[in-house]
Structures are given as structure tokens and as C-alpha cells.
C-alpha atoms as a PDB file:
ATOM      1  CA  UNK A   1       0.000   0.000   0.000  1.00  0.00           C
ATOM      2  CA  UNK A   2       2.824   2.414   0.830  1.00  0.00           C
ATOM      3  CA  UNK A   3       4.498   1.764  -2.536  1.00  0.00           C
ATOM      4  CA  UNK A   4       1.265   2.641  -4.356  1.00  0.00           C
ATOM      5  CA  UNK A   5       0.965   5.845  -2.341  1.00  0.00           C
ATOM      6  CA  UNK A   6       4.533   6.879  -3.181  1.00  0.00           C
ATOM      7  CA  UNK A   7       3.982   6.052  -6.868  1.00  0.00           C
ATOM      8  CA  UNK A   8       0.795   8.168  -6.962  1.00  0.00           C
ATOM      9  CA  UNK A   9       2.622  11.070  -5.319  1.00  0.00           C
ATOM     10  CA  UNK A  10       5.360  10.929  -7.953  1.00  0.00           C
ATOM     11  CA  UNK A  11       2.832  10.761 -10.785  1.00  0.00           C
ATOM     12  CA  UNK A  12       0.791  13.644  -9.339  1.00  0.00           C
ATOM     13  CA  UNK A  13       3.889  15.851  -9.138  1.00  0.00           C
ATOM     14  CA  UNK A  14       4.512  15.344 -12.844  1.00  0.00           C
ATOM     15  CA  UNK A  15       0.982  15.915 -14.156  1.00  0.00           C
ATOM     16  CA  UNK A  16       0.461  18.689 -16.630  1.00  0.00           C
ATOM     17  CA  UNK A  17      -1.164  21.911 -15.520  1.00  0.00           C
ATOM     18  CA  UNK A  18      -3.394  23.760 -17.963  1.00  0.00           C
ATOM     19  CA  UNK A  19      -4.153  27.402 -17.195  1.00  0.00           C
ATOM     20  CA  UNK A  20      -6.826  29.505 -18.879  1.00  0.00           C
ATOM     21  CA  UNK A  21      -6.126  33.207 -18.523  1.00  0.00           C
ATOM     22  CA  UNK A  22      -8.890  35.677 -19.408  1.00  0.00           C
ATOM     23  CA  UNK A  23      -8.016  39.241 -20.317  1.00  0.00           C
ATOM     24  CA  UNK A  24     -10.137  42.286 -21.187  1.00  0.00           C
ATOM     25  CA  UNK A  25      -8.208  45.053 -22.929  1.00  0.00           C
ATOM     26  CA  UNK A  26      -9.091  48.719 -23.365  1.00  0.00           C
ATOM     27  CA  UNK A  27     -10.568  49.184 -26.865  1.00  0.00           C
ATOM     28  CA  UNK A  28      -7.840  51.594 -27.989  1.00  0.00           C
ATOM     29  CA  UNK A  29      -5.128  49.163 -26.854  1.00  0.00           C
ATOM     30  CA  UNK A  30      -6.175  46.003 -28.718  1.00  0.00           C
ATOM     31  CA  UNK A  31      -3.526  46.113 -31.451  1.00  0.00           C
ATOM     32  CA  UNK A  32      -0.688  46.998 -29.066  1.00  0.00           C
ATOM     33  CA  UNK A  33      -1.823  44.219 -26.719  1.00  0.00           C
ATOM     34  CA  UNK A  34      -1.943  41.712 -29.580  1.00  0.00           C
ATOM     35  CA  UNK A  35       1.607  42.531 -30.649  1.00  0.00           C
ATOM     36  CA  UNK A  36       3.086  42.446 -27.122  1.00  0.00           C
ATOM     37  CA  UNK A  37       1.254  39.197 -26.416  1.00  0.00           C
ATOM     38  CA  UNK A  38       2.360  37.632 -29.690  1.00  0.00           C
ATOM     39  CA  UNK A  39       5.996  38.387 -28.812  1.00  0.00           C
ATOM     40  CA  UNK A  40       5.577  36.841 -25.358  1.00  0.00           C
ATOM     41  CA  UNK A  41       3.860  33.751 -26.765  1.00  0.00           C
ATOM     42  CA  UNK A  42       6.592  33.189 -29.371  1.00  0.00           C
ATOM     43  CA  UNK A  43       9.203  33.132 -26.599  1.00  0.00           C
ATOM     44  CA  UNK A  44       7.013  31.113 -24.237  1.00  0.00           C
ATOM     45  CA  UNK A  45       6.613  28.170 -26.606  1.00  0.00           C
ATOM     46  CA  UNK A  46      10.408  27.815 -26.611  1.00  0.00           C
ATOM     47  CA  UNK A  47      10.480  27.111 -22.867  1.00  0.00           C
ATOM     48  CA  UNK A  48      11.034  23.416 -22.050  1.00  0.00           C
ATOM     49  CA  UNK A  49       8.282  23.479 -19.411  1.00  0.00           C
ATOM     50  CA  UNK A  50       5.595  24.694 -21.822  1.00  0.00           C
ATOM     51  CA  UNK A  51       3.784  22.224 -24.081  1.00  0.00           C
ATOM     52  CA  UNK A  52       1.410  24.804 -25.630  1.00  0.00           C
ATOM     53  CA  UNK A  53       0.790  28.503 -25.336  1.00  0.00           C
ATOM     54  CA  UNK A  54      -2.302  29.494 -27.311  1.00  0.00           C
ATOM     55  CA  UNK A  55      -3.563  33.064 -27.557  1.00  0.00           C
ATOM     56  CA  UNK A  56      -7.171  33.496 -28.690  1.00  0.00           C
ATOM     57  CA  UNK A  57      -9.202  36.625 -29.386  1.00  0.00           C
ATOM     58  CA  UNK A  58     -12.964  36.510 -28.862  1.00  0.00           C
ATOM     59  CA  UNK A  59     -14.807  36.691 -32.196  1.00  0.00           C
ATOM     60  CA  UNK A  60     -17.698  38.866 -31.046  1.00  0.00           C
ATOM     61  CA  UNK A  61     -15.700  41.111 -28.684  1.00  0.00           C
ATOM     62  CA  UNK A  62     -12.148  41.880 -29.872  1.00  0.00           C
ATOM     63  CA  UNK A  63     -11.236  43.349 -26.478  1.00  0.00           C
ATOM     64  CA  UNK A  64     -11.434  39.888 -24.868  1.00  0.00           C
ATOM     65  CA  UNK A  65      -8.639  37.339 -25.018  1.00  0.00           C
ATOM     66  CA  UNK A  66      -8.104  33.833 -23.719  1.00  0.00           C
ATOM     67  CA  UNK A  67      -4.693  32.261 -23.188  1.00  0.00           C
ATOM     68  CA  UNK A  68      -4.502  28.481 -22.971  1.00  0.00           C
ATOM     69  CA  UNK A  69      -1.206  27.690 -21.301  1.00  0.00           C
ATOM     70  CA  UNK A  70      -0.255  24.011 -21.066  1.00  0.00           C
ATOM     71  CA  UNK A  71       2.597  23.425 -18.642  1.00  0.00           C
ATOM     72  CA  UNK A  72       4.479  20.134 -18.408  1.00  0.00           C
ATOM     73  CA  UNK A  73       4.470  20.287 -14.582  1.00  0.00           C
ATOM     74  CA  UNK A  74       3.048  22.324 -11.740  1.00  0.00           C
ATOM     75  CA  UNK A  75       6.486  23.946 -11.292  1.00  0.00           C
ATOM     76  CA  UNK A  76       6.712  25.275 -14.861  1.00  0.00           C
ATOM     77  CA  UNK A  77       4.464  28.355 -14.354  1.00  0.00           C
ATOM     78  CA  UNK A  78       6.774  29.725 -11.650  1.00  0.00           C
ATOM     79  CA  UNK A  79       9.752  29.303 -13.983  1.00  0.00           C
ATOM     80  CA  UNK A  80       7.801  30.973 -16.795  1.00  0.00           C
ATOM     81  CA  UNK A  81       6.957  33.946 -14.558  1.00  0.00           C
ATOM     82  CA  UNK A  82      10.677  34.514 -13.910  1.00  0.00           C
ATOM     83  CA  UNK A  83      11.595  34.815 -17.594  1.00  0.00           C
ATOM     84  CA  UNK A  84      12.582  38.189 -19.007  1.00  0.00           C
ATOM     85  CA  UNK A  85      10.033  37.943 -21.807  1.00  0.00           C
ATOM     86  CA  UNK A  86       7.134  37.301 -19.398  1.00  0.00           C
ATOM     87  CA  UNK A  87       8.169  40.147 -17.100  1.00  0.00           C
ATOM     88  CA  UNK A  88       8.462  42.493 -20.082  1.00  0.00           C
ATOM     89  CA  UNK A  89       5.008  41.419 -21.285  1.00  0.00           C
ATOM     90  CA  UNK A  90       3.457  41.807 -17.811  1.00  0.00           C
ATOM     91  CA  UNK A  91       4.832  45.319 -17.380  1.00  0.00           C
ATOM     92  CA  UNK A  92       4.012  46.370 -20.944  1.00  0.00           C
ATOM     93  CA  UNK A  93       0.383  45.217 -20.983  1.00  0.00           C
ATOM     94  CA  UNK A  94      -0.623  46.133 -17.424  1.00  0.00           C
ATOM     95  CA  UNK A  95      -1.839  49.630 -18.408  1.00  0.00           C
ATOM     96  CA  UNK A  96      -3.629  48.194 -21.463  1.00  0.00           C
ATOM     97  CA  UNK A  97      -6.021  46.053 -19.429  1.00  0.00           C
ATOM     98  CA  UNK A  98      -9.566  47.224 -18.823  1.00  0.00           C
ATOM     99  CA  UNK A  99      -9.820  45.016 -15.742  1.00  0.00           C
ATOM    100  CA  UNK A 100      -7.551  42.606 -13.838  1.00  0.00           C
ATOM    101  CA  UNK A 101      -6.907  39.348 -15.669  1.00  0.00           C
ATOM    102  CA  UNK A 102      -8.286  36.146 -14.183  1.00  0.00           C
ATOM    103  CA  UNK A 103      -7.153  32.550 -14.420  1.00  0.00           C
ATOM    104  CA  UNK A 104      -8.452  29.039 -13.908  1.00  0.00           C
ATOM    105  CA  UNK A 105      -6.305  25.938 -13.428  1.00  0.00           C
ATOM    106  CA  UNK A 106      -7.083  22.531 -14.915  1.00  0.00           C
ATOM    107  CA  UNK A 107      -5.547  19.078 -14.980  1.00  0.00           C
ATOM    108  CA  UNK A 108      -5.264  17.207 -18.238  1.00  0.00           C
ATOM    109  CA  UNK A 109      -7.512  14.282 -19.144  1.00  0.00           C
ATOM    110  CA  UNK A 110      -7.027  13.838 -22.906  1.00  0.00           C
ATOM    111  CA  UNK A 111      -4.812  13.551 -24.826  1.00  0.00           C
ATOM    112  CA  UNK A 112      -2.401  11.824 -22.474  1.00  0.00           C
ATOM    113  CA  UNK A 113       0.369  14.088 -21.180  1.00  0.00           C
ATOM    114  CA  UNK A 114       3.024  12.166 -23.085  1.00  0.00           C
ATOM    115  CA  UNK A 115       1.272  13.007 -26.382  1.00  0.00           C
ATOM    116  CA  UNK A 116       1.580  16.787 -26.002  1.00  0.00           C
END
């Protein structure tokens, strides 16, 4: 029983973490936000701890964005937040936001983590 518990703890520590980040941008800042975010995303996908970093713009409200960030472990977001490109993005877009961004955390079900 103890071996199974240890095995489950190891597996749980290595599960992917998917984060959905919702952002509302001031209408006059949409294009600047898109460009700053595109630059951040291009660097983010190069990080070893990131499996995907999708940036989506809402079709019926161009001031709303959704980021789908798929991290290879629960430790990867902290490493991402320490990168120069993330810190530059955070500081650049802060005054562009119409309201504070929000996030939701998910665990992966399908496809299997190893297939990302």
C-alpha cells in the first residue's frame, strides 16, 4: 500500500497543468496588446516546461482574449513567470487592461500528457 501511495505522489507531481487566462483590454489598446502578447507567446513556446501557449481573441468582442497555457508540470508556471520575456510582457500590458486578468487551473484528461 505504501508503494502505491509513493507512486501516486510521484505521478501527481509530474501531471500537466493547464491554465486559462482571461483578459479584457481597453478598446484603444487592442492592437498593441496583440503585438506584445504575440511576442511573449513566441518566446514562451520555446520554454522546455511549456507544451502549448495558445492566444485566442474573442470573435464577437475583440477586447477579450483567452490564453490556454499548457505546462508540463506544476512547477513550470513559476519558472515561466521569472523569464525576461514574461516580465516584459506583464509590465508592458498592465496599463492596457480594462480590468484585472483572471485565471483558472485545470488538470489534463485527454490527450495523455506524453502526447503533447
